[in-house]
């Protein structure tokens, strides 16, 4: 009976990717926390719902980053693309919320 090894991505490449994504998410999270403070005081339930969904999106990205460590090489490119798309959508949604809150505050 032959034993097959599961090939994993090089640790340095994976760690560099994780660091890049984590930095992007942390910057967006800082904005989200600012908006969250604004929403508590002045905004609608809709804005509060958007903040909650963005928090869930961040948790999903964090989970995917953790799962990336267990991802087989053959699926690594697709997994990274999926995470990159989620991060782009997350940061874009935060920017949209910021613009909307800016209009409401004026």
PDB file of N, CA and C in Angstrom:
ATOM      1  N   UNK A   1       0.847  -1.166   0.000  1.00  0.00           N
ATOM      2  CA  UNK A   1       0.000   0.000   0.000  1.00  0.00           C
ATOM      3  C   UNK A   1       0.897   1.234   0.000  1.00  0.00           C
ATOM      4  N   UNK A   2       0.714   2.083  -0.983  1.00  0.00           N
ATOM      5  CA  UNK A   2       1.527   3.287  -1.133  1.00  0.00           C
ATOM      6  C   UNK A   2       0.945   4.419  -0.296  1.00  0.00           C
ATOM      7  N   UNK A   3       1.828   5.182   0.282  1.00  0.00           N
ATOM      8  CA  UNK A   3       1.413   6.345   1.061  1.00  0.00           C
ATOM      9  C   UNK A   3       1.669   7.581   0.207  1.00  0.00           C
ATOM     10  N   UNK A   4       0.634   8.389   0.037  1.00  0.00           N
ATOM     11  CA  UNK A   4       0.809   9.612  -0.733  1.00  0.00           C
ATOM     12  C   UNK A   4       0.886  10.796   0.216  1.00  0.00           C
ATOM     13  N   UNK A   5       1.837  11.647  -0.062  1.00  0.00           N
ATOM     14  CA  UNK A   5       2.002  12.842   0.767  1.00  0.00           C
ATOM     15  C   UNK A   5       1.143  13.962   0.203  1.00  0.00           C
ATOM     16  N   UNK A   6       0.577  14.731   1.096  1.00  0.00           N
ATOM     17  CA  UNK A   6      -0.155  15.909   0.687  1.00  0.00           C
ATOM     18  C   UNK A   6       0.838  17.051   0.596  1.00  0.00           C
ATOM     19  N   UNK A   7       0.938  17.626  -0.568  1.00  0.00           N
ATOM     20  CA  UNK A   7       1.891  18.713  -0.766  1.00  0.00           C
ATOM     21  C   UNK A   7       1.305  20.010  -0.235  1.00  0.00           C
ATOM     22  N   UNK A   8       2.085  20.762   0.482  1.00  0.00           N
ATOM     23  CA  UNK A   8       1.655  22.048   1.043  1.00  0.00           C
ATOM     24  C   UNK A   8       2.471  23.170   0.409  1.00  0.00           C
ATOM     25  N   UNK A   9       1.899  24.360   0.393  1.00  0.00           N
ATOM     26  CA  UNK A   9       2.603  25.527  -0.144  1.00  0.00           C
ATOM     27  C   UNK A   9       3.781  25.850   0.748  1.00  0.00           C
ATOM     28  N   UNK A  10       4.817  26.435   0.186  1.00  0.00           N
ATOM     29  CA  UNK A  10       5.960  26.852   1.011  1.00  0.00           C
ATOM     30  C   UNK A  10       5.485  27.826   2.083  1.00  0.00           C
ATOM     31  N   UNK A  11       5.977  27.625   3.301  1.00  0.00           N
ATOM     32  CA  UNK A  11       5.553  28.435   4.426  1.00  0.00           C
ATOM     33  C   UNK A  11       5.812  29.921   4.210  1.00  0.00           C
ATOM     34  N   UNK A  12       6.941  30.269   3.631  1.00  0.00           N
ATOM     35  CA  UNK A  12       7.274  31.689   3.473  1.00  0.00           C
ATOM     36  C   UNK A  12       6.311  32.389   2.525  1.00  0.00           C
ATOM     37  N   UNK A  13       5.968  31.748   1.432  1.00  0.00           N
ATOM     38  CA  UNK A  13       5.035  32.332   0.480  1.00  0.00           C
ATOM     39  C   UNK A  13       3.660  32.484   1.106  1.00  0.00           C
ATOM     40  N   UNK A  14       3.225  31.474   1.785  1.00  0.00           N
ATOM     41  CA  UNK A  14       1.916  31.495   2.423  1.00  0.00           C
ATOM     42  C   UNK A  14       1.875  32.543   3.529  1.00  0.00           C
ATOM     43  N   UNK A  15       2.928  32.623   4.317  1.00  0.00           N
ATOM     44  CA  UNK A  15       2.975  33.616   5.392  1.00  0.00           C
ATOM     45  C   UNK A  15       2.973  35.035   4.830  1.00  0.00           C
ATOM     46  N   UNK A  16       3.677  35.258   3.748  1.00  0.00           N
ATOM     47  CA  UNK A  16       3.697  36.587   3.128  1.00  0.00           C
ATOM     48  C   UNK A  16       2.306  36.953   2.612  1.00  0.00           C
ATOM     49  N   UNK A  17       1.633  35.997   2.005  1.00  0.00           N
ATOM     50  CA  UNK A  17       0.274  36.243   1.514  1.00  0.00           C
ATOM     51  C   UNK A  17      -0.669  36.539   2.685  1.00  0.00           C
ATOM     52  N   UNK A  18      -0.584  35.744   3.728  1.00  0.00           N
ATOM     53  CA  UNK A  18      -1.422  35.955   4.910  1.00  0.00           C
ATOM     54  C   UNK A  18      -1.171  37.333   5.519  1.00  0.00           C
ATOM     55  N   UNK A  19       0.085  37.743   5.586  1.00  0.00           N
ATOM     56  CA  UNK A  19       0.430  39.053   6.142  1.00  0.00           C
ATOM     57  C   UNK A  19      -0.161  40.172   5.294  1.00  0.00           C
ATOM     58  N   UNK A  20      -0.103  40.025   3.981  1.00  0.00           N
ATOM     59  CA  UNK A  20      -0.660  41.029   3.077  1.00  0.00           C
ATOM     60  C   UNK A  20      -2.171  41.150   3.269  1.00  0.00           C
ATOM     61  N   UNK A  21      -2.859  40.034   3.270  1.00  0.00           N
ATOM     62  CA  UNK A  21      -4.312  40.048   3.421  1.00  0.00           C
ATOM     63  C   UNK A  21      -4.700  40.551   4.806  1.00  0.00           C
ATOM     64  N   UNK A  22      -3.983  40.122   5.819  1.00  0.00           N
ATOM     65  CA  UNK A  22      -4.273  40.570   7.185  1.00  0.00           C
ATOM     66  C   UNK A  22      -4.123  42.083   7.300  1.00  0.00           C
ATOM     67  N   UNK A  23      -3.109  42.641   6.685  1.00  0.00           N
ATOM     68  CA  UNK A  23      -2.906  44.096   6.722  1.00  0.00           C
ATOM     69  C   UNK A  23      -4.058  44.816   6.035  1.00  0.00           C
ATOM     70  N   UNK A  24      -4.503  44.298   4.905  1.00  0.00           N
ATOM     71  CA  UNK A  24      -5.636  44.903   4.196  1.00  0.00           C
ATOM     72  C   UNK A  24      -6.898  44.846   5.046  1.00  0.00           C
ATOM     73  N   UNK A  25      -7.142  43.698   5.647  1.00  0.00           N
ATOM     74  CA  UNK A  25      -8.348  43.513   6.455  1.00  0.00           C
ATOM     75  C   UNK A  25      -8.283  44.384   7.706  1.00  0.00           C
ATOM     76  N   UNK A  26      -7.110  44.497   8.323  1.00  0.00           N
ATOM     77  CA  UNK A  26      -6.976  45.319   9.533  1.00  0.00           C
ATOM     78  C   UNK A  26      -7.238  46.789   9.223  1.00  0.00           C
ATOM     79  N   UNK A  27      -6.745  47.274   8.090  1.00  0.00           N
ATOM     80  CA  UNK A  27      -6.999  48.667   7.702  1.00  0.00           C
ATOM     81  C   UNK A  27      -8.489  48.895   7.479  1.00  0.00           C
ATOM     82  N   UNK A  28      -9.135  47.957   6.816  1.00  0.00           N
ATOM     83  CA  UNK A  28     -10.579  48.072   6.584  1.00  0.00           C
ATOM     84  C   UNK A  28     -11.344  47.943   7.898  1.00  0.00           C
ATOM     85  N   UNK A  29     -10.880  47.090   8.778  1.00  0.00           N
ATOM     86  CA  UNK A  29     -11.539  46.905  10.072  1.00  0.00           C
ATOM     87  C   UNK A  29     -11.463  48.186  10.905  1.00  0.00           C
ATOM     88  N   UNK A  30     -10.360  48.896  10.839  1.00  0.00           N
ATOM     89  CA  UNK A  30     -10.221  50.156  11.567  1.00  0.00           C
ATOM     90  C   UNK A  30     -11.266  51.160  11.085  1.00  0.00           C
ATOM     91  N   UNK A  31     -11.461  51.233   9.758  1.00  0.00           N
ATOM     92  CA  UNK A  31     -12.506  52.099   9.211  1.00  0.00           C
ATOM     93  C   UNK A  31     -13.883  51.643   9.688  1.00  0.00           C
ATOM     94  N   UNK A  32     -14.092  50.341   9.666  1.00  0.00           N
ATOM     95  CA  UNK A  32     -15.377  49.785  10.087  1.00  0.00           C
ATOM     96  C   UNK A  32     -15.688  50.164  11.528  1.00  0.00           C
ATOM     97  N   UNK A  33     -14.695  50.104  12.386  1.00  0.00           N
ATOM     98  CA  UNK A  33     -14.909  50.463  13.789  1.00  0.00           C
ATOM     99  C   UNK A  33     -15.281  51.936  13.937  1.00  0.00           C
ATOM    100  N   UNK A  34     -14.679  52.796  13.120  1.00  0.00           N
ATOM    101  CA  UNK A  34     -15.049  54.209  13.143  1.00  0.00           C
ATOM    102  C   UNK A  34     -16.505  54.385  12.712  1.00  0.00           C
ATOM    103  N   UNK A  35     -16.884  53.712  11.659  1.00  0.00           N
ATOM    104  CA  UNK A  35     -18.244  53.815  11.155  1.00  0.00           C
ATOM    105  C   UNK A  35     -19.246  53.240  12.150  1.00  0.00           C
ATOM    106  N   UNK A  36     -18.822  52.193  12.832  1.00  0.00           N
ATOM    107  CA  UNK A  36     -19.673  51.558  13.835  1.00  0.00           C
ATOM    108  C   UNK A  36     -20.018  52.572  14.931  1.00  0.00           C
ATOM    109  N   UNK A  37     -19.058  53.366  15.339  1.00  0.00           N
ATOM    110  CA  UNK A  37     -19.298  54.391  16.356  1.00  0.00           C
ATOM    111  C   UNK A  37     -20.284  55.434  15.833  1.00  0.00           C
ATOM    112  N   UNK A  38     -20.172  55.809  14.580  1.00  0.00           N
ATOM    113  CA  UNK A  38     -21.106  56.764  13.991  1.00  0.00           C
ATOM    114  C   UNK A  38     -22.510  56.178  13.904  1.00  0.00           C
ATOM    115  N   UNK A  39     -22.589  54.915  13.524  1.00  0.00           N
ATOM    116  CA  UNK A  39     -23.882  54.255  13.354  1.00  0.00           C
ATOM    117  C   UNK A  39     -24.625  54.174  14.679  1.00  0.00           C
ATOM    118  N   UNK A  40     -23.916  53.906  15.755  1.00  0.00           N
ATOM    119  CA  UNK A  40     -24.563  53.790  17.071  1.00  0.00           C
ATOM    120  C   UNK A  40     -25.346  55.036  17.426  1.00  0.00           C
ATOM    121  N   UNK A  41     -24.805  56.179  17.081  1.00  0.00           N
ATOM    122  CA  UNK A  41     -25.432  57.412  17.517  1.00  0.00           C
ATOM    123  C   UNK A  41     -26.471  57.990  16.575  1.00  0.00           C
ATOM    124  N   UNK A  42     -26.272  57.881  15.272  1.00  0.00           N
ATOM    125  CA  UNK A  42     -27.058  58.699  14.365  1.00  0.00           C
ATOM    126  C   UNK A  42     -27.768  57.973  13.243  1.00  0.00           C
ATOM    127  N   UNK A  43     -27.367  56.810  12.904  1.00  0.00           N
ATOM    128  CA  UNK A  43     -27.832  56.205  11.667  1.00  0.00           C
ATOM    129  C   UNK A  43     -29.026  55.288  11.863  1.00  0.00           C
ATOM    130  N   UNK A  44     -29.465  54.766  10.761  1.00  0.00           N
ATOM    131  CA  UNK A  44     -30.662  53.938  10.714  1.00  0.00           C
ATOM    132  C   UNK A  44     -30.346  52.476  11.024  1.00  0.00           C
ATOM    133  N   UNK A  45     -31.416  51.707  11.118  1.00  0.00           N
ATOM    134  CA  UNK A  45     -31.255  50.255  11.305  1.00  0.00           C
ATOM    135  C   UNK A  45     -30.590  49.630  10.089  1.00  0.00           C
ATOM    136  N   UNK A  46     -30.830  50.234   8.945  1.00  0.00           N
ATOM    137  CA  UNK A  46     -30.204  49.719   7.719  1.00  0.00           C
ATOM    138  C   UNK A  46     -28.684  49.806   7.818  1.00  0.00           C
ATOM    139  N   UNK A  47     -28.174  50.946   8.293  1.00  0.00           N
ATOM    140  CA  UNK A  47     -26.731  51.094   8.446  1.00  0.00           C
ATOM    141  C   UNK A  47     -26.187  50.118   9.481  1.00  0.00           C
ATOM    142  N   UNK A  48     -26.932  49.932  10.559  1.00  0.00           N
ATOM    143  CA  UNK A  48     -26.509  48.966  11.581  1.00  0.00           C
ATOM    144  C   UNK A  48     -26.458  47.559  10.995  1.00  0.00           C
ATOM    145  N   UNK A  49     -27.407  47.241  10.130  1.00  0.00           N
ATOM    146  CA  UNK A  49     -27.408  45.941   9.463  1.00  0.00           C
ATOM    147  C   UNK A  49     -26.218  45.771   8.536  1.00  0.00           C
ATOM    148  N   UNK A  50     -25.855  46.854   7.864  1.00  0.00           N
ATOM    149  CA  UNK A  50     -24.688  46.814   6.976  1.00  0.00           C
ATOM    150  C   UNK A  50     -23.427  46.563   7.792  1.00  0.00           C
ATOM    151  N   UNK A  51     -23.303  47.243   8.931  1.00  0.00           N
ATOM    152  CA  UNK A  51     -22.136  47.047   9.799  1.00  0.00           C
ATOM    153  C   UNK A  51     -22.075  45.596  10.260  1.00  0.00           C
ATOM    154  N   UNK A  52     -23.200  45.041  10.659  1.00  0.00           N
ATOM    155  CA  UNK A  52     -23.221  43.636  11.103  1.00  0.00           C
ATOM    156  C   UNK A  52     -22.809  42.687   9.989  1.00  0.00           C
ATOM    157  N   UNK A  53     -23.294  42.950   8.781  1.00  0.00           N
ATOM    158  CA  UNK A  53     -22.922  42.060   7.673  1.00  0.00           C
ATOM    159  C   UNK A  53     -21.443  42.205   7.324  1.00  0.00           C
ATOM    160  N   UNK A  54     -20.902  43.413   7.497  1.00  0.00           N
ATOM    161  CA  UNK A  54     -19.473  43.604   7.242  1.00  0.00           C
ATOM    162  C   UNK A  54     -18.624  42.896   8.298  1.00  0.00           C
ATOM    163  N   UNK A  55     -19.095  42.893   9.528  1.00  0.00           N
ATOM    164  CA  UNK A  55     -18.377  42.152  10.570  1.00  0.00           C
ATOM    165  C   UNK A  55     -18.386  40.659  10.253  1.00  0.00           C
ATOM    166  N   UNK A  56     -19.508  40.168   9.771  1.00  0.00           N
ATOM    167  CA  UNK A  56     -19.595  38.754   9.388  1.00  0.00           C
ATOM    168  C   UNK A  56     -18.666  38.458   8.212  1.00  0.00           C
ATOM    169  N   UNK A  57     -18.584  39.390   7.269  1.00  0.00           N
ATOM    170  CA  UNK A  57     -17.689  39.214   6.120  1.00  0.00           C
ATOM    171  C   UNK A  57     -16.237  39.146   6.574  1.00  0.00           C
ATOM    172  N   UNK A  58     -15.865  39.989   7.534  1.00  0.00           N
ATOM    173  CA  UNK A  58     -14.496  39.967   8.065  1.00  0.00           C
ATOM    174  C   UNK A  58     -14.199  38.626   8.719  1.00  0.00           C
ATOM    175  N   UNK A  59     -15.157  38.123   9.500  1.00  0.00           N
ATOM    176  CA  UNK A  59     -14.966  36.822  10.150  1.00  0.00           C
ATOM    177  C   UNK A  59     -14.822  35.714   9.110  1.00  0.00           C
ATOM    178  N   UNK A  60     -15.559  35.818   8.020  1.00  0.00           N
ATOM    179  CA  UNK A  60     -15.465  34.838   6.944  1.00  0.00           C
ATOM    180  C   UNK A  60     -14.079  34.871   6.302  1.00  0.00           C
ATOM    181  N   UNK A  61     -13.556  36.068   6.088  1.00  0.00           N
ATOM    182  CA  UNK A  61     -12.208  36.199   5.527  1.00  0.00           C
ATOM    183  C   UNK A  61     -11.182  35.596   6.491  1.00  0.00           C
ATOM    184  N   UNK A  62     -11.328  35.898   7.779  1.00  0.00           N
ATOM    185  CA  UNK A  62     -10.413  35.328   8.781  1.00  0.00           C
ATOM    186  C   UNK A  62     -10.455  33.804   8.762  1.00  0.00           C
ATOM    187  N   UNK A  63     -11.645  33.246   8.628  1.00  0.00           N
ATOM    188  CA  UNK A  63     -11.801  31.788   8.591  1.00  0.00           C
ATOM    189  C   UNK A  63     -11.133  31.207   7.349  1.00  0.00           C
ATOM    190  N   UNK A  64     -11.316  31.877   6.228  1.00  0.00           N
ATOM    191  CA  UNK A  64     -10.701  31.401   4.984  1.00  0.00           C
ATOM    192  C   UNK A  64      -9.176  31.454   5.065  1.00  0.00           C
ATOM    193  N   UNK A  65      -8.649  32.484   5.727  1.00  0.00           N
ATOM    194  CA  UNK A  65      -7.200  32.556   5.914  1.00  0.00           C
ATOM    195  C   UNK A  65      -6.704  31.387   6.759  1.00  0.00           C
ATOM    196  N   UNK A  66      -7.447  31.027   7.779  1.00  0.00           N
ATOM    197  CA  UNK A  66      -7.065  29.879   8.603  1.00  0.00           C
ATOM    198  C   UNK A  66      -7.135  28.584   7.789  1.00  0.00           C
ATOM    199  N   UNK A  67      -8.180  28.447   6.975  1.00  0.00           N
ATOM    200  CA  UNK A  67      -8.334  27.251   6.139  1.00  0.00           C
ATOM    201  C   UNK A  67      -7.255  27.153   5.071  1.00  0.00           C
ATOM    202  N   UNK A  68      -6.705  28.300   4.687  1.00  0.00           N
ATOM    203  CA  UNK A  68      -5.680  28.322   3.651  1.00  0.00           C
ATOM    204  C   UNK A  68      -4.462  27.485   4.046  1.00  0.00           C
ATOM    205  N   UNK A  69      -4.182  27.433   5.331  1.00  0.00           N
ATOM    206  CA  UNK A  69      -3.036  26.661   5.813  1.00  0.00           C
ATOM    207  C   UNK A  69      -3.197  25.172   5.528  1.00  0.00           C
ATOM    208  N   UNK A  70      -4.437  24.729   5.411  1.00  0.00           N
ATOM    209  CA  UNK A  70      -4.712  23.311   5.181  1.00  0.00           C
ATOM    210  C   UNK A  70      -4.985  23.003   3.707  1.00  0.00           C
ATOM    211  N   UNK A  71      -4.940  24.022   2.877  1.00  0.00           N
ATOM    212  CA  UNK A  71      -5.293  23.869   1.473  1.00  0.00           C
ATOM    213  C   UNK A  71      -4.180  23.176   0.695  1.00  0.00           C
ATOM    214  N   UNK A  72      -4.562  22.234  -0.117  1.00  0.00           N
ATOM    215  CA  UNK A  72      -3.630  21.514  -0.974  1.00  0.00           C
ATOM    216  C   UNK A  72      -3.134  22.450  -2.068  1.00  0.00           C
ATOM    217  N   UNK A  73      -1.906  22.248  -2.510  1.00  0.00           N
ATOM    218  CA  UNK A  73      -1.288  23.091  -3.545  1.00  0.00           C
ATOM    219  C   UNK A  73      -2.174  23.242  -4.782  1.00  0.00           C
ATOM    220  N   UNK A  74      -2.836  22.185  -5.153  1.00  0.00           N
ATOM    221  CA  UNK A  74      -3.648  22.228  -6.372  1.00  0.00           C
ATOM    222  C   UNK A  74      -4.839  23.179  -6.230  1.00  0.00           C
ATOM    223  N   UNK A  75      -5.233  23.486  -5.017  1.00  0.00           N
ATOM    224  CA  UNK A  75      -6.367  24.375  -4.784  1.00  0.00           C
ATOM    225  C   UNK A  75      -5.949  25.751  -4.275  1.00  0.00           C
ATOM    226  N   UNK A  76      -4.662  25.961  -4.080  1.00  0.00           N
ATOM    227  CA  UNK A  76      -4.159  27.181  -3.459  1.00  0.00           C
ATOM    228  C   UNK A  76      -4.456  28.426  -4.285  1.00  0.00           C
ATOM    229  N   UNK A  77      -4.253  28.362  -5.580  1.00  0.00           N
ATOM    230  CA  UNK A  77      -4.491  29.525  -6.436  1.00  0.00           C
ATOM    231  C   UNK A  77      -5.958  29.942  -6.385  1.00  0.00           C
ATOM    232  N   UNK A  78      -6.834  28.971  -6.470  1.00  0.00           N
ATOM    233  CA  UNK A  78      -8.272  29.269  -6.414  1.00  0.00           C
ATOM    234  C   UNK A  78      -8.666  29.826  -5.053  1.00  0.00           C
ATOM    235  N   UNK A  79      -8.116  29.272  -3.975  1.00  0.00           N
ATOM    236  CA  UNK A  79      -8.423  29.736  -2.624  1.00  0.00           C
ATOM    237  C   UNK A  79      -7.950  31.174  -2.427  1.00  0.00           C
ATOM    238  N   UNK A  80      -6.754  31.492  -2.913  1.00  0.00           N
ATOM    239  CA  UNK A  80      -6.237  32.858  -2.808  1.00  0.00           C
ATOM    240  C   UNK A  80      -7.100  33.830  -3.609  1.00  0.00           C
ATOM    241  N   UNK A  81      -7.508  33.431  -4.795  1.00  0.00           N
ATOM    242  CA  UNK A  81      -8.362  34.290  -5.625  1.00  0.00           C
ATOM    243  C   UNK A  81      -9.691  34.549  -4.930  1.00  0.00           C
ATOM    244  N   UNK A  82     -10.222  33.533  -4.290  1.00  0.00           N
ATOM    245  CA  UNK A  82     -11.476  33.672  -3.550  1.00  0.00           C
ATOM    246  C   UNK A  82     -11.310  34.656  -2.385  1.00  0.00           C
ATOM    247  N   UNK A  83     -10.217  34.519  -1.669  1.00  0.00           N
ATOM    248  CA  UNK A  83      -9.945  35.430  -0.547  1.00  0.00           C
ATOM    249  C   UNK A  83      -9.736  36.846  -1.056  1.00  0.00           C
ATOM    250  N   UNK A  84      -8.969  37.001  -2.130  1.00  0.00           N
ATOM    251  CA  UNK A  84      -8.729  38.330  -2.697  1.00  0.00           C
ATOM    252  C   UNK A  84     -10.036  38.993  -3.117  1.00  0.00           C
ATOM    253  N   UNK A  85     -10.933  38.223  -3.715  1.00  0.00           N
ATOM    254  CA  UNK A  85     -12.237  38.766  -4.121  1.00  0.00           C
ATOM    255  C   UNK A  85     -13.045  39.196  -2.897  1.00  0.00           C
ATOM    256  N   UNK A  86     -13.018  38.376  -1.851  1.00  0.00           N
ATOM    257  CA  UNK A  86     -13.740  38.718  -0.622  1.00  0.00           C
ATOM    258  C   UNK A  86     -13.172  39.978   0.029  1.00  0.00           C
ATOM    259  N   UNK A  87     -11.853  40.110   0.046  1.00  0.00           N
ATOM    260  CA  UNK A  87     -11.211  41.292   0.631  1.00  0.00           C
ATOM    261  C   UNK A  87     -11.568  42.536  -0.182  1.00  0.00           C
ATOM    262  N   UNK A  88     -11.548  42.425  -1.493  1.00  0.00           N
ATOM    263  CA  UNK A  88     -11.892  43.560  -2.357  1.00  0.00           C
ATOM    264  C   UNK A  88     -13.341  43.989  -2.124  1.00  0.00           C
ATOM    265  N   UNK A  89     -14.219  43.018  -2.036  1.00  0.00           N
ATOM    266  CA  UNK A  89     -15.634  43.320  -1.787  1.00  0.00           C
ATOM    267  C   UNK A  89     -15.818  43.935  -0.398  1.00  0.00           C
ATOM    268  N   UNK A  90     -15.104  43.408   0.586  1.00  0.00           N
ATOM    269  CA  UNK A  90     -15.177  43.905   1.959  1.00  0.00           C
ATOM    270  C   UNK A  90     -14.717  45.364   2.031  1.00  0.00           C
ATOM    271  N   UNK A  91     -13.565  45.661   1.462  1.00  0.00           N
ATOM    272  CA  UNK A  91     -13.049  47.027   1.524  1.00  0.00           C
ATOM    273  C   UNK A  91     -13.924  47.990   0.718  1.00  0.00           C
ATOM    274  N   UNK A  92     -14.437  47.540  -0.400  1.00  0.00           N
ATOM    275  CA  UNK A  92     -15.325  48.370  -1.214  1.00  0.00           C
ATOM    276  C   UNK A  92     -16.620  48.676  -0.454  1.00  0.00           C
ATOM    277  N   UNK A  93     -17.165  47.685   0.210  1.00  0.00           N
ATOM    278  CA  UNK A  93     -18.395  47.887   0.989  1.00  0.00           C
ATOM    279  C   UNK A  93     -18.168  48.856   2.144  1.00  0.00           C
ATOM    280  N   UNK A  94     -17.010  48.776   2.758  1.00  0.00           N
ATOM    281  CA  UNK A  94     -16.685  49.699   3.850  1.00  0.00           C
ATOM    282  C   UNK A  94     -16.568  51.120   3.310  1.00  0.00           C
ATOM    283  N   UNK A  95     -15.936  51.276   2.158  1.00  0.00           N
ATOM    284  CA  UNK A  95     -15.822  52.600   1.549  1.00  0.00           C
ATOM    285  C   UNK A  95     -17.203  53.164   1.191  1.00  0.00           C
ATOM    286  N   UNK A  96     -18.091  52.312   0.675  1.00  0.00           N
ATOM    287  CA  UNK A  96     -19.453  52.744   0.353  1.00  0.00           C
ATOM    288  C   UNK A  96     -20.198  53.177   1.614  1.00  0.00           C
ATOM    289  N   UNK A  97     -20.047  52.415   2.690  1.00  0.00           N
ATOM    290  CA  UNK A  97     -20.686  52.773   3.953  1.00  0.00           C
ATOM    291  C   UNK A  97     -20.151  54.110   4.450  1.00  0.00           C
ATOM    292  N   UNK A  98     -18.862  54.315   4.346  1.00  0.00           N
ATOM    293  CA  UNK A  98     -18.251  55.576   4.761  1.00  0.00           C
ATOM    294  C   UNK A  98     -18.805  56.755   3.978  1.00  0.00           C
ATOM    295  N   UNK A  99     -18.944  56.579   2.671  1.00  0.00           N
ATOM    296  CA  UNK A  99     -19.495  57.655   1.839  1.00  0.00           C
ATOM    297  C   UNK A  99     -20.936  57.945   2.227  1.00  0.00           C
ATOM    298  N   UNK A 100     -21.701  56.915   2.473  1.00  0.00           N
ATOM    299  CA  UNK A 100     -23.110  57.091   2.855  1.00  0.00           C
ATOM    300  C   UNK A 100     -23.212  57.777   4.211  1.00  0.00           C
ATOM    301  N   UNK A 101     -22.385  57.367   5.152  1.00  0.00           N
ATOM    302  CA  UNK A 101     -22.421  57.986   6.474  1.00  0.00           C
ATOM    303  C   UNK A 101     -21.984  59.447   6.408  1.00  0.00           C
ATOM    304  N   UNK A 102     -21.037  59.745   5.530  1.00  0.00           N
ATOM    305  CA  UNK A 102     -20.575  61.112   5.367  1.00  0.00           C
ATOM    306  C   UNK A 102     -21.721  62.005   4.873  1.00  0.00           C
ATOM    307  N   UNK A 103     -22.533  61.463   3.955  1.00  0.00           N
ATOM    308  CA  UNK A 103     -23.686  62.226   3.448  1.00  0.00           C
ATOM    309  C   UNK A 103     -24.732  62.431   4.534  1.00  0.00           C
ATOM    310  N   UNK A 104     -24.926  61.422   5.391  1.00  0.00           N
ATOM    311  CA  UNK A 104     -25.934  61.490   6.452  1.00  0.00           C
ATOM    312  C   UNK A 104     -25.520  62.497   7.521  1.00  0.00           C
ATOM    313  N   UNK A 105     -24.235  62.542   7.841  1.00  0.00           N
ATOM    314  CA  UNK A 105     -23.737  63.407   8.905  1.00  0.00           C
ATOM    315  C   UNK A 105     -23.808  64.866   8.484  1.00  0.00           C
ATOM    316  N   UNK A 106     -23.639  65.167   7.201  1.00  0.00           N
ATOM    317  CA  UNK A 106     -23.643  66.559   6.736  1.00  0.00           C
ATOM    318  C   UNK A 106     -24.963  67.227   6.933  1.00  0.00           C
TER     319      UNK A 106
END
